[in-house]
Every structure is written in structure tokens, then in C-alpha cells.
Amino acid sequence: MTTTRPAPEEQELPFNVFAKACPSRGTLEHVTGRWGALTLGALYEGSLRFNELRRRVDGVSEKMLSQTLHALERDGLVHREAQPTNPPRVDYELTALGREVAERLLSLIHCVEGSMETVLRARERYDETRGAR
């Protein structure tokens, strides 16, 4: 009896983000959290120094940006390059995986930005029928 292997697209993925113990869930949280998504989107334009990135991601604190960059670097999405200069220079850029993820995030970001008139009208209707919050 011969068994055939399922086609790659039919095989189960080795990770399941819906399982609470799956490590992919943590990475998804890093990528889709407010600061992670904005950081990846900002770095898609090219390498940035910490303070340049902080100015680009308006509203992020130094502490939150630092934590976000550490998480994204640990996940292999961001590369940190420290230059041995005085004062020290540190540049951040996306890895190949980071670029792929950022492209998908930017598609979502552009979709949301392009739909804001519809969203704002929906919010108005909701507030009118349910009372402003």
C-alpha cells in the first residue's frame, strides 16, 4: 500500500497561533501591537537611528520603543547595528522576514487609512443609537 504525502498547501502548519502555548502567538502580539506595527512600518522606508525612529513613530515613549525594538530584534524582524563611534551610533533596519511582515502590515494600514470616512460614519451612527461614550 502506497501513501501519498499531502500537497504543501494541504499540510498542517507546525505552529498554531490559536493555541495559547504556541510561540507564534507572542510574535503575532509583537507585530500587531500598536508600537510593533508602527515601528515595522516606519522601518520599511529604510534604516533609522533610535531618535529618528522615535520621531517617526509619534507618541511612543523611549522606554516603549526600546522594548518594542528588543522584542522585534529577538523575533528576527529587526537588525540592530551598533557603530563603534563616539558618541555611539545605533541603526535599526528590517531583516528579510521583517520586510515581508512590514509589507503585509502596510497593506492593512493603507486599507484602514483609506476606509476612515466609512469608519467615522459608522462611529457616528453607533453613537447616535447607543449614546456617546
Protein backbone atom coordinates (compact mmCIF):
# COMPACT_ATOMS: atom_id res chain seq x y z
CA MET A 1 0.00 0.00 0.00
CA THR A 2 1.43 3.33 -1.03
CA THR A 3 0.75 6.51 0.88
CA THR A 4 0.95 9.87 -0.75
CA ARG A 5 2.02 12.97 1.07
CA PRO A 6 -0.41 15.86 1.04
CA ALA A 7 0.50 18.84 -1.08
CA PRO A 8 2.40 21.53 0.88
CA GLU A 9 -0.68 23.80 1.00
CA GLU A 10 -2.71 20.92 2.49
CA GLN A 11 -0.22 20.09 5.23
CA GLU A 12 -0.89 21.35 8.72
CA LEU A 13 1.28 24.21 9.83
CA PRO A 14 3.72 23.25 12.60
CA PHE A 15 2.59 26.27 14.65
CA ASN A 16 -0.90 27.30 15.65
CA VAL A 17 -1.35 30.89 16.82
CA PHE A 18 -4.73 29.96 18.32
CA ALA A 19 -3.08 27.59 20.81
CA LYS A 20 -2.15 29.55 23.93
CA ALA A 21 1.23 27.81 24.35
CA CYS A 22 2.33 28.34 20.74
CA PRO A 23 5.33 30.68 20.43
CA SER A 24 3.84 32.21 17.28
CA ARG A 25 1.27 33.97 19.46
CA GLY A 26 3.96 36.08 21.13
CA THR A 27 5.42 37.08 17.78
CA LEU A 28 1.97 37.99 16.49
CA GLU A 29 1.49 40.20 19.54
CA HIS A 30 4.85 41.90 18.93
CA VAL A 31 3.98 42.52 15.27
CA THR A 32 0.36 43.61 15.65
CA GLY A 33 0.64 45.64 18.82
CA ARG A 34 0.38 49.39 18.34
CA TRP A 35 4.10 50.11 18.64
CA GLY A 36 5.28 46.98 16.83
CA ALA A 37 3.15 47.64 13.74
CA LEU A 38 4.13 51.31 13.62
CA THR A 39 7.82 50.53 14.16
CA LEU A 40 7.88 47.92 11.40
CA GLY A 41 6.02 50.28 9.08
CA ALA A 42 8.45 53.12 9.79
CA LEU A 43 11.49 50.92 9.22
CA TYR A 44 10.11 49.75 5.88
CA GLU A 45 11.26 53.08 4.46
CA GLY A 46 14.87 52.29 5.41
CA SER A 47 17.40 52.20 8.22
CA LEU A 48 16.79 54.64 11.07
CA ARG A 49 18.61 55.66 14.21
CA PHE A 50 16.74 55.34 17.51
CA ASN A 51 15.79 59.02 17.81
CA GLU A 52 14.81 59.23 14.14
CA LEU A 53 12.55 56.24 14.66
CA ARG A 54 11.11 57.76 17.83
CA ARG A 55 10.24 60.96 15.96
CA ARG A 56 8.72 58.96 13.09
CA VAL A 57 6.53 56.89 15.45
CA ASP A 58 4.85 59.88 17.04
CA GLY A 59 3.75 59.33 20.64
CA VAL A 60 5.93 56.34 21.53
CA SER A 61 7.98 56.73 24.70
CA GLU A 62 11.67 55.96 24.74
CA LYS A 63 11.01 53.00 27.04
CA MET A 64 8.25 51.53 24.85
CA LEU A 65 10.28 51.95 21.66
CA SER A 66 13.26 50.28 23.29
CA GLN A 67 11.13 47.35 24.48
CA THR A 68 9.49 47.06 21.07
CA LEU A 69 12.81 47.05 19.23
CA HIS A 70 14.22 44.40 21.58
CA ALA A 71 11.20 42.14 21.00
CA LEU A 72 11.31 42.61 17.22
CA GLU A 73 15.06 42.02 17.15
CA ARG A 74 14.66 38.85 19.24
CA ASP A 75 12.00 37.61 16.81
CA GLY A 76 14.37 38.18 13.88
CA LEU A 77 12.37 41.01 12.32
CA VAL A 78 14.73 43.89 13.08
CA HIS A 79 18.51 44.08 12.86
CA ARG A 80 20.39 46.35 15.26
CA GLU A 81 23.74 47.69 14.08
CA ALA A 82 25.91 49.42 16.70
CA GLN A 83 28.72 51.57 15.30
CA PRO A 84 31.83 51.95 17.48
CA THR A 85 31.83 55.75 17.34
CA ASN A 86 31.81 58.45 19.97
CA PRO A 87 29.00 59.03 20.71
CA PRO A 88 27.79 55.52 19.86
CA ARG A 89 25.60 55.25 16.77
CA VAL A 90 22.93 52.55 16.59
CA ASP A 91 20.93 51.93 13.42
CA TYR A 92 17.87 49.72 13.06
CA GLU A 93 16.69 48.10 9.87
CA LEU A 94 14.33 45.33 8.83
CA THR A 95 15.56 41.82 8.13
CA ALA A 96 14.19 39.97 5.08
CA LEU A 97 11.46 38.49 7.28
CA GLY A 98 10.78 41.91 8.79
CA ARG A 99 10.33 43.39 5.29
CA GLU A 100 7.86 40.66 4.37
CA VAL A 101 5.85 41.22 7.55
CA ALA A 102 6.00 45.02 7.18
CA GLU A 103 4.68 44.81 3.60
CA ARG A 104 1.63 42.94 4.84
CA LEU A 105 1.15 45.33 7.74
CA LEU A 106 1.39 48.33 5.43
CA SER A 107 -1.34 46.85 3.23
CA LEU A 108 -3.55 46.66 6.31
CA ILE A 109 -2.55 50.18 7.42
CA HIS A 110 -3.36 51.60 3.98
CA CYS A 111 -6.69 49.76 3.97
CA VAL A 112 -7.60 51.27 7.35
CA GLU A 113 -6.45 54.76 6.35
CA GLY A 114 -8.43 54.55 3.11
CA SER A 115 -11.56 53.43 4.96
CA MET A 116 -11.61 56.09 7.66
CA GLU A 117 -14.52 58.06 6.20
CA THR A 118 -16.64 54.90 6.37
CA VAL A 119 -15.36 54.15 9.87
CA LEU A 120 -16.12 57.66 11.12
CA ARG A 121 -19.67 57.49 9.70
CA ALA A 122 -20.17 54.11 11.37
CA ARG A 123 -18.98 55.55 14.69
CA GLU A 124 -21.43 58.45 14.36
CA ARG A 125 -24.34 56.07 13.67
CA TYR A 126 -23.32 53.86 16.57
CA ASP A 127 -23.03 56.81 18.97
CA GLU A 128 -26.42 58.18 17.84
CA THR A 129 -28.19 54.88 18.50
CA ARG A 130 -26.31 53.79 21.60
CA GLY A 131 -25.28 57.07 23.14
CA ALA A 132 -21.85 58.66 23.02
CA ARG A 133 -19.24 57.15 25.26
